[in-house]
N, C-alpha and C. Protein backbone atom coordinates (compact mmCIF):
# COMPACT_ATOMS: atom_id res chain seq x y z
N UNK A 1 103.20 102.23 61.98
CA UNK A 1 104.24 102.24 63.02
C UNK A 1 105.48 101.49 62.52
N UNK A 2 106.66 102.08 62.71
CA UNK A 2 107.90 101.43 62.26
C UNK A 2 108.18 100.20 63.13
N UNK A 3 109.05 99.35 62.59
CA UNK A 3 109.44 98.15 63.34
C UNK A 3 110.11 98.51 64.66
N UNK A 4 110.94 99.57 64.61
CA UNK A 4 111.64 100.01 65.83
C UNK A 4 110.65 100.48 66.89
N UNK A 5 109.65 101.26 66.44
CA UNK A 5 108.63 101.77 67.37
C UNK A 5 107.85 100.61 67.98
N UNK A 6 107.55 99.61 67.17
CA UNK A 6 106.80 98.44 67.64
C UNK A 6 107.65 97.65 68.66
N UNK A 7 108.94 97.54 68.34
CA UNK A 7 109.88 96.85 69.23
C UNK A 7 109.97 97.59 70.58
N UNK A 8 110.11 98.92 70.52
CA UNK A 8 110.18 99.74 71.74
C UNK A 8 108.92 99.58 72.58
N UNK A 9 107.77 99.58 71.88
CA UNK A 9 106.47 99.47 72.56
C UNK A 9 106.37 98.12 73.28
N UNK A 10 106.80 97.06 72.61
CA UNK A 10 106.76 95.71 73.21
C UNK A 10 107.69 95.63 74.42
N UNK A 11 108.89 96.19 74.29
CA UNK A 11 109.83 96.19 75.42
C UNK A 11 109.25 96.93 76.62
N UNK A 12 108.66 98.10 76.36
CA UNK A 12 108.03 98.89 77.44
C UNK A 12 106.91 98.10 78.11
N UNK A 13 106.10 97.45 77.28
CA UNK A 13 104.97 96.65 77.79
C UNK A 13 105.49 95.54 78.73
N UNK A 14 106.55 94.86 78.30
CA UNK A 14 107.12 93.78 79.12
C UNK A 14 107.66 94.36 80.43
N UNK A 15 108.35 95.50 80.34
CA UNK A 15 108.92 96.11 81.56
C UNK A 15 107.81 96.56 82.51
N UNK A 16 106.80 97.22 81.98
CA UNK A 16 105.69 97.71 82.82
C UNK A 16 104.96 96.54 83.48
N UNK A 17 104.76 95.47 82.72
CA UNK A 17 104.07 94.28 83.25
C UNK A 17 104.89 93.67 84.38
N UNK A 18 106.20 93.60 84.19
CA UNK A 18 107.09 93.02 85.22
C UNK A 18 107.08 93.89 86.47
N UNK A 19 107.15 95.22 86.28
CA UNK A 19 107.08 96.14 87.43
C UNK A 19 105.79 95.91 88.20
N UNK A 20 104.71 95.76 87.46
CA UNK A 20 103.40 95.57 88.08
C UNK A 20 103.37 94.26 88.88
N UNK A 21 103.87 93.19 88.29
CA UNK A 21 103.87 91.89 88.99
C UNK A 21 104.75 91.93 90.24
N UNK A 22 105.93 92.51 90.10
CA UNK A 22 106.89 92.51 91.21
C UNK A 22 106.57 93.57 92.25
N UNK A 23 106.53 94.82 91.82
CA UNK A 23 106.50 95.93 92.78
C UNK A 23 105.09 96.35 93.20
N UNK A 24 104.08 96.00 92.40
CA UNK A 24 102.70 96.35 92.77
C UNK A 24 102.01 95.15 93.43
N UNK A 25 102.21 93.96 92.84
CA UNK A 25 101.52 92.78 93.38
C UNK A 25 102.40 91.94 94.30
N UNK A 26 103.70 92.19 94.30
CA UNK A 26 104.60 91.46 95.20
C UNK A 26 104.86 90.03 94.78
N UNK A 27 104.71 89.74 93.46
CA UNK A 27 104.94 88.37 92.97
C UNK A 27 106.40 88.23 92.52
N UNK A 28 107.30 88.13 93.50
CA UNK A 28 108.74 88.09 93.20
C UNK A 28 109.16 86.79 92.53
N UNK A 29 108.32 85.76 92.65
CA UNK A 29 108.69 84.48 92.05
C UNK A 29 108.03 84.28 90.68
N UNK A 30 107.47 85.35 90.10
CA UNK A 30 106.83 85.23 88.77
C UNK A 30 107.83 84.68 87.76
N UNK A 31 107.40 83.67 87.03
CA UNK A 31 108.27 83.03 86.03
C UNK A 31 108.24 83.84 84.74
N UNK A 32 109.17 83.51 83.84
CA UNK A 32 109.19 84.15 82.52
C UNK A 32 107.85 83.93 81.83
N UNK A 33 107.29 82.73 81.97
CA UNK A 33 106.01 82.42 81.33
C UNK A 33 104.88 83.27 81.92
N UNK A 34 104.88 83.44 83.23
CA UNK A 34 103.84 84.26 83.88
C UNK A 34 103.94 85.72 83.46
N UNK A 35 105.18 86.22 83.33
CA UNK A 35 105.38 87.60 82.86
C UNK A 35 104.85 87.73 81.43
N UNK A 36 105.21 86.76 80.58
CA UNK A 36 104.77 86.78 79.18
C UNK A 36 103.24 86.71 79.09
N UNK A 37 102.63 85.84 79.88
CA UNK A 37 101.16 85.71 79.87
C UNK A 37 100.50 87.02 80.29
N UNK A 38 101.03 87.63 81.36
CA UNK A 38 100.45 88.88 81.86
C UNK A 38 100.60 90.01 80.83
N UNK A 39 101.71 89.99 80.08
CA UNK A 39 101.94 91.03 79.07
C UNK A 39 101.25 90.70 77.75
N UNK A 40 100.79 89.45 77.62
CA UNK A 40 100.13 89.03 76.38
C UNK A 40 101.12 88.90 75.22
N UNK A 41 102.35 88.46 75.55
CA UNK A 41 103.36 88.26 74.50
C UNK A 41 103.91 86.83 74.59
N UNK A 42 104.63 86.44 73.55
CA UNK A 42 105.26 85.13 73.53
C UNK A 42 106.48 85.14 74.45
N UNK A 43 106.67 84.05 75.18
CA UNK A 43 107.77 83.98 76.15
C UNK A 43 109.14 84.21 75.49
N UNK A 44 109.31 83.75 74.26
CA UNK A 44 110.61 83.89 73.58
C UNK A 44 110.98 85.36 73.39
N UNK A 45 109.95 86.24 73.33
CA UNK A 45 110.24 87.68 73.17
C UNK A 45 111.00 88.24 74.37
N UNK A 46 110.69 87.74 75.55
CA UNK A 46 111.37 88.23 76.76
C UNK A 46 112.86 87.91 76.67
N UNK A 47 113.17 86.68 76.27
CA UNK A 47 114.58 86.31 76.13
C UNK A 47 115.24 87.05 74.96
N UNK A 48 114.45 87.30 73.91
CA UNK A 48 114.96 88.01 72.74
C UNK A 48 115.34 89.45 73.10
N UNK A 49 114.45 90.14 73.83
CA UNK A 49 114.70 91.55 74.18
C UNK A 49 115.62 91.72 75.39
N UNK A 50 115.50 90.82 76.36
CA UNK A 50 116.19 91.04 77.65
C UNK A 50 117.22 89.97 78.01
N UNK A 51 117.39 88.98 77.14
CA UNK A 51 118.34 87.87 77.33
C UNK A 51 117.91 86.87 78.40
N UNK A 52 117.42 87.37 79.56
CA UNK A 52 116.97 86.45 80.61
C UNK A 52 116.01 87.16 81.55
N UNK A 53 115.29 86.37 82.33
CA UNK A 53 114.36 86.91 83.33
C UNK A 53 115.14 87.78 84.33
N UNK A 54 116.29 87.26 84.79
CA UNK A 54 117.08 88.00 85.79
C UNK A 54 117.53 89.36 85.25
N UNK A 55 117.92 89.37 83.99
CA UNK A 55 118.36 90.62 83.38
C UNK A 55 117.21 91.62 83.29
N UNK A 56 116.04 91.14 82.91
CA UNK A 56 114.83 91.99 82.84
C UNK A 56 114.55 92.59 84.23
N UNK A 57 114.62 91.76 85.25
CA UNK A 57 114.32 92.21 86.62
C UNK A 57 115.35 93.25 87.07
N UNK A 58 116.62 93.02 86.73
CA UNK A 58 117.67 93.98 87.08
C UNK A 58 117.39 95.33 86.41
N UNK A 59 116.96 95.30 85.15
CA UNK A 59 116.68 96.53 84.41
C UNK A 59 115.53 97.31 85.05
N UNK A 60 114.42 96.63 85.38
CA UNK A 60 113.28 97.37 85.97
C UNK A 60 113.63 97.88 87.37
N UNK A 61 114.44 97.12 88.09
CA UNK A 61 114.86 97.53 89.43
C UNK A 61 115.74 98.78 89.32
N UNK A 62 116.72 98.75 88.41
CA UNK A 62 117.62 99.90 88.22
C UNK A 62 116.83 101.13 87.80
N UNK A 63 115.83 100.95 86.93
CA UNK A 63 115.01 102.09 86.48
C UNK A 63 114.23 102.69 87.65
N UNK A 64 113.65 101.83 88.47
CA UNK A 64 112.88 102.31 89.63
C UNK A 64 113.80 103.08 90.58
N UNK A 65 115.01 102.57 90.78
CA UNK A 65 115.99 103.22 91.65
C UNK A 65 116.42 104.58 91.10
N UNK A 66 116.60 104.64 89.77
CA UNK A 66 117.06 105.86 89.11
C UNK A 66 116.04 106.98 89.29
N UNK A 67 114.76 106.64 89.13
CA UNK A 67 113.68 107.63 89.30
C UNK A 67 113.72 108.19 90.72
N UNK A 68 113.88 107.29 91.70
CA UNK A 68 113.96 107.69 93.11
C UNK A 68 115.12 108.64 93.35
N UNK A 69 116.30 108.27 92.83
CA UNK A 69 117.52 109.06 93.05
C UNK A 69 117.36 110.45 92.44
N UNK A 70 116.80 110.51 91.23
CA UNK A 70 116.61 111.81 90.56
C UNK A 70 115.67 112.70 91.35
N UNK A 71 114.58 112.10 91.85
CA UNK A 71 113.61 112.88 92.64
C UNK A 71 114.28 113.44 93.90
N UNK A 72 115.07 112.60 94.57
CA UNK A 72 115.76 113.03 95.79
C UNK A 72 116.73 114.15 95.50
N UNK A 73 117.48 114.02 94.40
CA UNK A 73 118.48 115.03 94.05
C UNK A 73 117.84 116.39 93.80
N UNK A 74 116.73 116.39 93.07
CA UNK A 74 116.04 117.65 92.76
C UNK A 74 115.66 118.35 94.07
N UNK A 75 115.13 117.57 95.01
CA UNK A 75 114.69 118.15 96.28
C UNK A 75 115.89 118.65 97.09
N UNK A 76 116.89 117.78 97.24
CA UNK A 76 118.02 118.12 98.10
C UNK A 76 118.86 119.28 97.55
N UNK A 77 118.85 119.45 96.23
CA UNK A 77 119.64 120.54 95.63
C UNK A 77 118.83 121.83 95.45
N UNK A 78 117.59 121.82 95.90
CA UNK A 78 116.76 123.02 95.73
C UNK A 78 117.09 124.05 96.81
N UNK A 79 116.57 125.26 96.62
CA UNK A 79 116.82 126.34 97.59
C UNK A 79 115.70 126.46 98.63
N UNK A 80 114.88 125.45 98.72
CA UNK A 80 113.77 125.49 99.67
C UNK A 80 114.28 125.47 101.10
N UNK A 81 113.48 125.99 102.05
CA UNK A 81 113.85 125.82 103.46
C UNK A 81 113.94 124.32 103.80
N UNK A 82 114.78 123.99 104.78
CA UNK A 82 115.08 122.59 105.09
C UNK A 82 113.82 121.75 105.35
N UNK A 83 112.92 122.28 106.18
CA UNK A 83 111.72 121.50 106.52
C UNK A 83 110.88 121.23 105.27
N UNK A 84 110.84 122.20 104.37
CA UNK A 84 110.07 122.04 103.13
C UNK A 84 110.71 120.98 102.23
N UNK A 85 112.03 120.96 102.20
CA UNK A 85 112.74 119.92 101.43
C UNK A 85 112.39 118.54 101.97
N UNK A 86 112.46 118.42 103.29
CA UNK A 86 112.17 117.13 103.93
C UNK A 86 110.71 116.74 103.66
N UNK A 87 109.81 117.72 103.75
CA UNK A 87 108.38 117.45 103.49
C UNK A 87 108.19 116.92 102.07
N UNK A 88 108.88 117.54 101.11
CA UNK A 88 108.76 117.09 99.71
C UNK A 88 109.38 115.71 99.51
N UNK A 89 110.51 115.47 100.19
CA UNK A 89 111.16 114.17 100.11
C UNK A 89 110.23 113.07 100.65
N UNK A 90 109.61 113.37 101.79
CA UNK A 90 108.67 112.42 102.41
C UNK A 90 107.49 112.17 101.47
N UNK A 91 106.95 113.23 100.91
CA UNK A 91 105.81 113.08 100.00
C UNK A 91 106.18 112.23 98.79
N UNK A 92 107.36 112.49 98.23
CA UNK A 92 107.82 111.70 97.07
C UNK A 92 107.99 110.24 97.42
N UNK A 93 108.60 109.98 98.58
CA UNK A 93 108.81 108.59 99.01
C UNK A 93 107.49 107.88 99.27
N UNK A 94 106.55 108.58 99.90
CA UNK A 94 105.25 107.96 100.19
C UNK A 94 104.48 107.69 98.90
N UNK A 95 104.59 108.60 97.93
CA UNK A 95 103.85 108.37 96.68
C UNK A 95 104.46 107.19 95.91
N UNK A 96 105.80 107.01 96.02
CA UNK A 96 106.42 105.82 95.42
C UNK A 96 105.94 104.56 96.13
N UNK A 97 105.82 104.63 97.47
CA UNK A 97 105.32 103.48 98.23
C UNK A 97 103.90 103.11 97.81
N UNK A 98 103.12 104.12 97.47
CA UNK A 98 101.74 103.86 97.03
C UNK A 98 101.72 103.30 95.61
N UNK A 99 102.61 103.82 94.77
CA UNK A 99 102.67 103.35 93.38
C UNK A 99 103.23 101.94 93.31
N UNK A 100 104.31 101.69 94.08
CA UNK A 100 104.98 100.38 94.08
C UNK A 100 105.06 99.85 95.51
N UNK A 101 103.95 99.31 96.03
CA UNK A 101 103.91 98.91 97.44
C UNK A 101 104.98 97.89 97.85
N UNK A 102 105.47 97.09 96.90
CA UNK A 102 106.42 96.04 97.27
C UNK A 102 107.86 96.33 96.85
N UNK A 103 108.14 97.57 96.43
CA UNK A 103 109.50 97.91 96.02
C UNK A 103 110.48 97.80 97.19
N UNK A 104 110.10 98.34 98.35
CA UNK A 104 110.99 98.28 99.52
C UNK A 104 111.24 96.84 99.95
N UNK A 105 110.18 96.04 99.94
CA UNK A 105 110.31 94.62 100.32
C UNK A 105 111.29 93.93 99.36
N UNK A 106 111.18 94.29 98.09
CA UNK A 106 112.07 93.69 97.07
C UNK A 106 113.52 94.09 97.33
N UNK A 107 113.74 95.37 97.63
CA UNK A 107 115.10 95.86 97.89
C UNK A 107 115.70 95.09 99.07
N UNK A 108 114.91 94.94 100.14
CA UNK A 108 115.39 94.21 101.33
C UNK A 108 115.72 92.76 100.95
N UNK A 109 114.85 92.14 100.15
CA UNK A 109 115.08 90.74 99.78
C UNK A 109 116.36 90.61 98.95
N UNK A 110 116.65 91.61 98.10
CA UNK A 110 117.86 91.57 97.28
C UNK A 110 119.12 91.76 98.13
N UNK A 111 119.04 92.67 99.11
CA UNK A 111 120.19 92.89 99.99
C UNK A 111 120.47 91.62 100.80
N UNK A 112 119.38 90.97 101.25
CA UNK A 112 119.53 89.73 102.02
C UNK A 112 120.15 88.62 101.18
N UNK A 113 119.95 88.68 99.86
CA UNK A 113 120.54 87.67 98.97
C UNK A 113 121.99 88.01 98.65
N UNK A 114 122.44 89.18 99.12
CA UNK A 114 123.82 89.57 98.85
C UNK A 114 123.98 90.35 97.55
N UNK A 115 122.84 90.67 96.88
CA UNK A 115 122.92 91.50 95.67
C UNK A 115 122.97 92.94 96.15
N UNK A 116 124.16 93.31 96.60
CA UNK A 116 124.22 94.56 97.35
C UNK A 116 123.95 95.76 96.50
N UNK A 117 123.71 96.79 97.22
CA UNK A 117 123.12 97.98 96.73
C UNK A 117 124.18 99.00 96.39
N UNK A 118 124.07 99.63 95.24
CA UNK A 118 125.00 100.71 94.90
C UNK A 118 124.70 101.92 95.78
N UNK A 119 125.76 102.64 96.16
CA UNK A 119 125.54 103.79 97.02
C UNK A 119 124.77 104.87 96.27
N UNK A 120 123.74 105.41 96.91
CA UNK A 120 122.86 106.39 96.26
C UNK A 120 123.32 107.82 96.46
N UNK A 121 124.14 108.06 97.48
CA UNK A 121 124.42 109.44 97.85
C UNK A 121 125.93 109.66 97.93
N UNK A 122 126.39 110.78 97.40
CA UNK A 122 127.82 111.11 97.41
C UNK A 122 128.20 111.66 98.80
N UNK A 123 129.49 111.55 99.11
CA UNK A 123 129.97 111.96 100.43
C UNK A 123 129.72 113.45 100.70
N UNK A 124 129.97 114.28 99.67
CA UNK A 124 129.77 115.73 99.89
C UNK A 124 128.30 116.09 100.08
N UNK A 125 127.40 115.34 99.40
CA UNK A 125 125.95 115.54 99.58
C UNK A 125 125.56 115.20 101.02
N UNK A 126 126.17 114.12 101.53
CA UNK A 126 125.88 113.67 102.88
C UNK A 126 126.35 114.70 103.91
N UNK A 127 127.55 115.24 103.68
CA UNK A 127 128.10 116.27 104.58
C UNK A 127 127.17 117.47 104.63
N UNK A 128 126.69 117.88 103.44
CA UNK A 128 125.81 119.05 103.36
C UNK A 128 124.51 118.77 104.13
N UNK A 129 123.97 117.55 103.94
CA UNK A 129 122.73 117.18 104.63
C UNK A 129 122.94 117.24 106.15
N UNK A 130 124.04 116.66 106.64
CA UNK A 130 124.33 116.67 108.08
C UNK A 130 124.49 118.10 108.60
N UNK A 131 125.13 118.93 107.79
CA UNK A 131 125.33 120.33 108.15
C UNK A 131 123.98 121.05 108.27
N UNK A 132 123.09 120.81 107.29
CA UNK A 132 121.74 121.41 107.32
C UNK A 132 120.98 120.97 108.57
N UNK A 133 121.10 119.69 108.90
CA UNK A 133 120.41 119.15 110.08
C UNK A 133 120.95 119.83 111.35
N UNK A 134 122.27 119.99 111.43
CA UNK A 134 122.88 120.64 112.60
C UNK A 134 122.40 122.09 112.75
N UNK A 135 122.28 122.79 111.63
CA UNK A 135 121.77 124.18 111.66
C UNK A 135 120.35 124.23 112.21
N UNK A 136 119.53 123.25 111.76
CA UNK A 136 118.14 123.19 112.24
C UNK A 136 118.10 122.90 113.74
N UNK A 137 119.04 122.11 114.22
CA UNK A 137 119.12 121.80 115.65
C UNK A 137 119.49 123.07 116.44
N UNK A 138 120.44 123.82 115.89
CA UNK A 138 120.84 125.09 116.53
C UNK A 138 119.64 126.04 116.62
N UNK A 139 118.82 126.03 115.57
CA UNK A 139 117.63 126.90 115.52
C UNK A 139 116.54 126.42 116.48
N UNK A 140 116.68 125.18 116.94
CA UNK A 140 115.67 124.63 117.85
C UNK A 140 114.51 123.96 117.13
N UNK A 141 114.65 123.76 115.80
CA UNK A 141 113.55 123.15 115.03
C UNK A 141 113.56 121.62 115.14
N UNK A 142 114.74 121.08 115.47
CA UNK A 142 114.89 119.63 115.59
C UNK A 142 115.54 119.35 116.95
N UNK A 143 115.08 118.27 117.57
CA UNK A 143 115.69 117.79 118.82
C UNK A 143 117.18 117.54 118.60
N UNK A 144 118.02 117.92 119.57
CA UNK A 144 119.47 117.72 119.41
C UNK A 144 119.81 116.21 119.45
N UNK A 145 120.57 115.78 118.46
CA UNK A 145 121.03 114.38 118.35
C UNK A 145 122.10 114.34 117.28
N UNK A 146 122.76 113.21 117.13
CA UNK A 146 123.70 113.07 116.01
C UNK A 146 122.88 113.18 114.72
N UNK A 147 123.36 113.92 113.72
CA UNK A 147 122.59 114.03 112.47
C UNK A 147 122.19 112.69 111.86
N UNK A 148 123.06 111.69 112.00
CA UNK A 148 122.72 110.38 111.43
C UNK A 148 121.47 109.80 112.09
N UNK A 149 121.25 110.13 113.38
CA UNK A 149 120.05 109.63 114.08
C UNK A 149 118.79 110.24 113.47
N UNK A 150 118.88 111.52 113.08
CA UNK A 150 117.74 112.17 112.41
C UNK A 150 117.44 111.45 111.10
N UNK A 151 118.50 111.16 110.33
CA UNK A 151 118.34 110.47 109.05
C UNK A 151 117.73 109.08 109.26
N UNK A 152 118.25 108.36 110.27
CA UNK A 152 117.72 107.02 110.57
C UNK A 152 116.25 107.09 110.98
N UNK A 153 115.91 108.09 111.80
CA UNK A 153 114.50 108.26 112.20
C UNK A 153 113.62 108.47 110.98
N UNK A 154 114.05 109.37 110.10
CA UNK A 154 113.24 109.68 108.92
C UNK A 154 113.07 108.44 108.03
N UNK A 155 114.19 107.76 107.76
CA UNK A 155 114.12 106.60 106.88
C UNK A 155 113.27 105.48 107.50
N UNK A 156 113.44 105.27 108.80
CA UNK A 156 112.66 104.22 109.48
C UNK A 156 111.17 104.52 109.40
N UNK A 157 110.81 105.76 109.71
CA UNK A 157 109.39 106.14 109.68
C UNK A 157 108.81 106.02 108.28
N UNK A 158 109.64 106.29 107.28
CA UNK A 158 109.18 106.25 105.89
C UNK A 158 109.13 104.84 105.33
N UNK A 159 110.22 104.12 105.52
CA UNK A 159 110.42 102.87 104.78
C UNK A 159 109.89 101.63 105.49
N UNK A 160 110.01 101.61 106.82
CA UNK A 160 109.71 100.38 107.55
C UNK A 160 108.30 99.83 107.29
N UNK A 161 107.24 100.67 107.35
CA UNK A 161 105.91 100.09 107.12
C UNK A 161 105.77 99.42 105.75
N UNK A 162 106.37 100.04 104.72
CA UNK A 162 106.28 99.45 103.38
C UNK A 162 107.15 98.21 103.26
N UNK A 163 108.33 98.24 103.90
CA UNK A 163 109.27 97.12 103.78
C UNK A 163 108.69 95.84 104.39
N UNK A 164 107.85 95.98 105.42
CA UNK A 164 107.25 94.77 106.01
C UNK A 164 105.73 94.75 105.80
N UNK A 165 105.29 95.38 104.72
CA UNK A 165 103.86 95.48 104.39
C UNK A 165 103.11 94.15 104.54
N UNK A 166 103.58 93.04 103.92
CA UNK A 166 102.80 91.79 104.01
C UNK A 166 102.59 91.34 105.46
N UNK A 167 103.64 91.50 106.27
CA UNK A 167 103.58 91.09 107.68
C UNK A 167 102.58 91.96 108.45
N UNK A 168 102.65 93.27 108.23
CA UNK A 168 101.72 94.19 108.92
C UNK A 168 100.28 93.92 108.50
N UNK A 169 100.06 93.71 107.19
CA UNK A 169 98.70 93.48 106.71
C UNK A 169 98.09 92.24 107.35
N UNK A 170 98.92 91.22 107.46
CA UNK A 170 98.42 89.97 108.03
C UNK A 170 98.17 90.10 109.54
N UNK A 171 99.16 90.62 110.26
CA UNK A 171 99.04 90.67 111.72
C UNK A 171 98.09 91.73 112.24
N UNK A 172 97.97 92.83 111.52
CA UNK A 172 97.07 93.90 111.96
C UNK A 172 95.72 93.86 111.23
N UNK A 173 95.53 92.79 110.45
CA UNK A 173 94.28 92.57 109.70
C UNK A 173 93.89 93.82 108.91
N UNK A 174 94.78 94.21 107.99
CA UNK A 174 94.58 95.40 107.18
C UNK A 174 94.49 94.98 105.71
N UNK A 175 93.51 95.52 105.00
CA UNK A 175 93.38 95.23 103.56
C UNK A 175 94.35 96.12 102.78
N UNK A 176 94.54 95.82 101.49
CA UNK A 176 95.39 96.64 100.63
C UNK A 176 94.95 98.10 100.63
N UNK A 177 93.63 98.29 100.49
CA UNK A 177 93.07 99.65 100.43
C UNK A 177 93.34 100.40 101.74
N UNK A 178 93.14 99.72 102.87
CA UNK A 178 93.37 100.35 104.18
C UNK A 178 94.85 100.69 104.35
N UNK A 179 95.71 99.79 103.90
CA UNK A 179 97.15 100.03 104.05
C UNK A 179 97.56 101.26 103.23
N UNK A 180 97.06 101.36 102.00
CA UNK A 180 97.36 102.53 101.15
C UNK A 180 96.90 103.82 101.82
N UNK A 181 95.74 103.77 102.45
CA UNK A 181 95.20 104.96 103.12
C UNK A 181 96.12 105.34 104.29
N UNK A 182 96.56 104.36 105.05
CA UNK A 182 97.45 104.59 106.19
C UNK A 182 98.75 105.24 105.70
N UNK A 183 99.33 104.70 104.62
CA UNK A 183 100.58 105.24 104.06
C UNK A 183 100.37 106.68 103.60
N UNK A 184 99.26 106.94 102.93
CA UNK A 184 99.03 108.29 102.40
C UNK A 184 98.82 109.32 103.50
N UNK A 185 98.46 108.86 104.70
CA UNK A 185 98.23 109.78 105.83
C UNK A 185 99.50 110.02 106.66
N UNK A 186 100.62 109.41 106.27
CA UNK A 186 101.81 109.44 107.13
C UNK A 186 102.62 110.73 107.06
N UNK A 187 102.47 111.51 105.99
CA UNK A 187 103.34 112.69 105.81
C UNK A 187 103.33 113.60 107.05
N UNK A 188 102.15 114.02 107.47
CA UNK A 188 102.03 114.94 108.61
C UNK A 188 102.54 114.31 109.89
N UNK A 189 102.25 113.03 110.07
CA UNK A 189 102.66 112.30 111.27
C UNK A 189 104.19 112.27 111.36
N UNK A 190 104.83 111.95 110.24
CA UNK A 190 106.30 111.87 110.22
C UNK A 190 106.92 113.24 110.48
N UNK A 191 106.41 114.27 109.80
CA UNK A 191 106.95 115.62 109.99
C UNK A 191 106.83 116.07 111.44
N UNK A 192 105.69 115.76 112.07
CA UNK A 192 105.49 116.14 113.47
C UNK A 192 106.45 115.41 114.40
N UNK A 193 106.84 114.21 114.02
CA UNK A 193 107.77 113.45 114.87
C UNK A 193 109.22 113.93 114.66
N UNK A 194 109.53 114.40 113.46
CA UNK A 194 110.91 114.81 113.16
C UNK A 194 111.22 116.25 113.61
N UNK A 195 110.20 117.12 113.51
CA UNK A 195 110.42 118.54 113.79
C UNK A 195 109.65 118.99 115.02
N UNK A 196 110.31 119.85 115.82
CA UNK A 196 109.63 120.40 117.00
C UNK A 196 108.74 121.58 116.61
N UNK A 197 109.16 122.27 115.52
CA UNK A 197 108.34 123.41 115.09
C UNK A 197 108.52 123.66 113.61
C-alpha cells in the first residue's frame, strides 16, 4: 500500500470513528484523546490530518449534511408522483435517523450555539415544492393549508422524535433498540397523517 493510500485510510478511520462517537453514540463532548483511543491512533495524527478537533468535527458534519442534501435533490428532481417523492424522502430521512441517531440533536445544539446553518434549498426549488403541494391540495390528496404548513408538518413528524431522542428515551422508558424500532415504523404513520388519499 502506498503512503498516500495509508494516509487516506487513516483519515477515513478517524472520520468514521468521530461520526460514530458523535452521531451514533451522542458523545458530543468526546475529546481528541477519546477520538484517538477509539480509532486506535496516536492523538497527534488527528491534529496532523485535521489541524484541530473542531475542524475534524466540522468536516464530518459537512459530509453528513452533503449526503442528506444530495439524497433530497435526487428525490425532489425525479419525475415520480408527488406522494411517491415524499414517501422516498421520508424513508431516506428515517434511515439516516437510524444510521445516525444523534445527528439531529447535534444540528440543534450547533444552531443553539449560533453556528448557524447554511441554507439547504434554493428559492426556485422551494417555489416548485410549494406549487406541487398546492396542486395536490387541488386534487384533494392533501388537506388545504398554506404549503409551508405542510412542510412544517412533515419536518416535525420526521425530525422531532430524533432531535429529542435522549429526552424521549428517558421519559418514556424506551431502550435504544425500541427507539430504533419506533423510528423505522414511522413511514406509514407520517404518510397517513400528511395525505388524505
